[in-house]
C-alpha atoms as a PDB file:
ATOM      1  CA  MET A   1      17.500  -1.688  -1.519  1.00  0.00           C
ATOM      2  CA  CYS A   2      15.736   1.661  -1.434  1.00  0.00           C
ATOM      3  CA  ALA A   3      15.326   3.415  -4.769  1.00  0.00           C
ATOM      4  CA  HIS A   4      14.264   6.927  -5.607  1.00  0.00           C
ATOM      5  CA  VAL A   5      11.525   6.795  -8.239  1.00  0.00           C
ATOM      6  CA  LEU A   6      10.254   9.632 -10.406  1.00  0.00           C
ATOM      7  CA  VAL A   7       6.580   9.124 -11.241  1.00  0.00           C
ATOM      8  CA  ALA A   8       5.201  11.105 -14.194  1.00  0.00           C
ATOM      9  CA  GLU A   9       1.429  10.698 -14.269  1.00  0.00           C
ATOM     10  CA  ASP A  10      -1.157  13.349 -15.147  1.00  0.00           C
ATOM     11  CA  ASP A  11      -4.001  11.585 -13.331  1.00  0.00           C
ATOM     12  CA  GLU A  12      -3.557  12.706  -9.725  1.00  0.00           C
ATOM     13  CA  LYS A  13      -5.354   9.703  -8.218  1.00  0.00           C
ATOM     14  CA  GLN A  14      -3.208   7.258 -10.194  1.00  0.00           C
ATOM     15  CA  ALA A  15      -0.058   9.176  -9.271  1.00  0.00           C
ATOM     16  CA  GLU A  16      -0.951   9.057  -5.580  1.00  0.00           C
ATOM     17  CA  LEU A  17      -1.710   5.325  -5.747  1.00  0.00           C
ATOM     18  CA  ILE A  18       1.688   4.654  -7.345  1.00  0.00           C
ATOM     19  CA  ARG A  19       3.475   6.940  -4.858  1.00  0.00           C
ATOM     20  CA  ARG A  20       1.861   5.242  -1.842  1.00  0.00           C
ATOM     21  CA  SER A  21       2.691   1.788  -3.202  1.00  0.00           C
ATOM     22  CA  LEU A  22       6.328   2.771  -3.638  1.00  0.00           C
ATOM     23  CA  LEU A  23       6.511   4.273  -0.148  1.00  0.00           C
ATOM     24  CA  ALA A  24       4.966   1.122   1.349  1.00  0.00           C
ATOM     25  CA  GLU A  25       7.795  -0.892  -0.212  1.00  0.00           C
ATOM     26  CA  GLY A  26      10.444   1.387   1.309  1.00  0.00           C
ATOM     27  CA  HIS A  27      11.221   3.543  -1.717  1.00  0.00           C
ATOM     28  CA  THR A  28      11.044   7.298  -2.082  1.00  0.00           C
ATOM     29  CA  ALA A  29       9.065   8.940  -4.845  1.00  0.00           C
ATOM     30  CA  THR A  30       8.723  12.284  -6.550  1.00  0.00           C
ATOM     31  CA  VAL A  31       5.558  12.905  -8.566  1.00  0.00           C
ATOM     32  CA  VAL A  32       5.182  15.260 -11.531  1.00  0.00           C
ATOM     33  CA  HIS A  33       2.170  15.735 -13.770  1.00  0.00           C
ATOM     34  CA  ASP A  34       3.513  16.557 -17.240  1.00  0.00           C
ATOM     35  CA  GLY A  35       6.343  15.550 -19.532  1.00  0.00           C
ATOM     36  CA  ALA A  36       8.267  18.811 -19.340  1.00  0.00           C
ATOM     37  CA  ALA A  37       8.370  18.572 -15.545  1.00  0.00           C
ATOM     38  CA  ALA A  38       9.416  14.920 -15.827  1.00  0.00           C
ATOM     39  CA  LEU A  39      12.321  15.866 -18.066  1.00  0.00           C
ATOM     40  CA  THR A  40      13.628  18.705 -15.904  1.00  0.00           C
ATOM     41  CA  THR A  41      13.101  16.763 -12.670  1.00  0.00           C
ATOM     42  CA  ALA A  42      14.860  13.660 -14.023  1.00  0.00           C
ATOM     43  CA  ARG A  43      17.849  15.743 -15.071  1.00  0.00           C
ATOM     44  CA  ARG A  44      17.968  17.484 -11.693  1.00  0.00           C
ATOM     45  CA  LEU A  45      17.294  14.565  -9.316  1.00  0.00           C
ATOM     46  CA  ARG A  46      18.835  11.657 -11.274  1.00  0.00           C
ATOM     47  CA  PRO A  47      16.288   9.079 -10.022  1.00  0.00           C
ATOM     48  CA  ASP A  48      16.995   5.365  -9.958  1.00  0.00           C
ATOM     49  CA  LEU A  49      13.811   4.641 -11.914  1.00  0.00           C
ATOM     50  CA  LEU A  50      11.231   6.553 -13.960  1.00  0.00           C
ATOM     51  CA  VAL A  51       7.594   5.517 -14.189  1.00  0.00           C
ATOM     52  CA  LEU A  52       6.213   7.385 -17.212  1.00  0.00           C
ATOM     53  CA  ASP A  53       2.667   7.698 -18.439  1.00  0.00           C
ATOM     54  CA  LEU A  54       2.843   7.582 -22.235  1.00  0.00           C
ATOM     55  CA  MET A  55       0.078  10.161 -22.723  1.00  0.00           C
ATOM     56  CA  LEU A  56       1.449  13.027 -20.615  1.00  0.00           C
ATOM     57  CA  PRO A  57       0.562  16.634 -21.414  1.00  0.00           C
ATOM     58  CA  VAL A  58       3.217  19.017 -22.821  1.00  0.00           C
ATOM     59  CA  LEU A  59       5.650  16.201 -23.732  1.00  0.00           C
ATOM     60  CA  ASP A  60       4.560  12.554 -23.908  1.00  0.00           C
ATOM     61  CA  GLY A  61       6.407   9.694 -22.229  1.00  0.00           C
ATOM     62  CA  PHE A  62       8.106   8.685 -25.480  1.00  0.00           C
ATOM     63  CA  GLY A  63       9.404  12.241 -25.878  1.00  0.00           C
ATOM     64  CA  VAL A  64      10.762  12.226 -22.329  1.00  0.00           C
ATOM     65  CA  CYS A  65      12.603   8.960 -23.065  1.00  0.00           C
ATOM     66  CA  ARG A  66      13.993  10.306 -26.348  1.00  0.00           C
ATOM     67  CA  GLU A  67      15.275  13.467 -24.687  1.00  0.00           C
ATOM     68  CA  LEU A  68      16.878  11.621 -21.777  1.00  0.00           C
ATOM     69  CA  ARG A  69      18.503   9.071 -24.073  1.00  0.00           C
ATOM     70  CA  GLY A  70      19.961  11.999 -25.998  1.00  0.00           C
ATOM     71  CA  ASP A  71      21.709  13.089 -22.793  1.00  0.00           C
ATOM     72  CA  ASP A  72      24.666  10.751 -23.470  1.00  0.00           C
ATOM     73  CA  GLY A  73      22.271   7.794 -23.322  1.00  0.00           C
ATOM     74  CA  GLU A  74      22.256   7.730 -19.512  1.00  0.00           C
ATOM     75  CA  LEU A  75      21.045   9.728 -16.557  1.00  0.00           C
ATOM     76  CA  ASP A  76      24.228   9.068 -14.561  1.00  0.00           C
END
């Protein structure tokens, strides 16, 4: 099963490593580098999975989770 994964990681090398690993396993990935971008991209793309760094700039990973859970508790 191929999943679309949103990766939110401010360290570009780490983000690229995660993205390449996902692609090698047959998944697709979108990478963003701050929490605000993660939030807007998750709402727009509706990914199957989010990989969130907890210490993101602008809005941390916990804040992204809180905001998305406030959207009726689901991304779907």
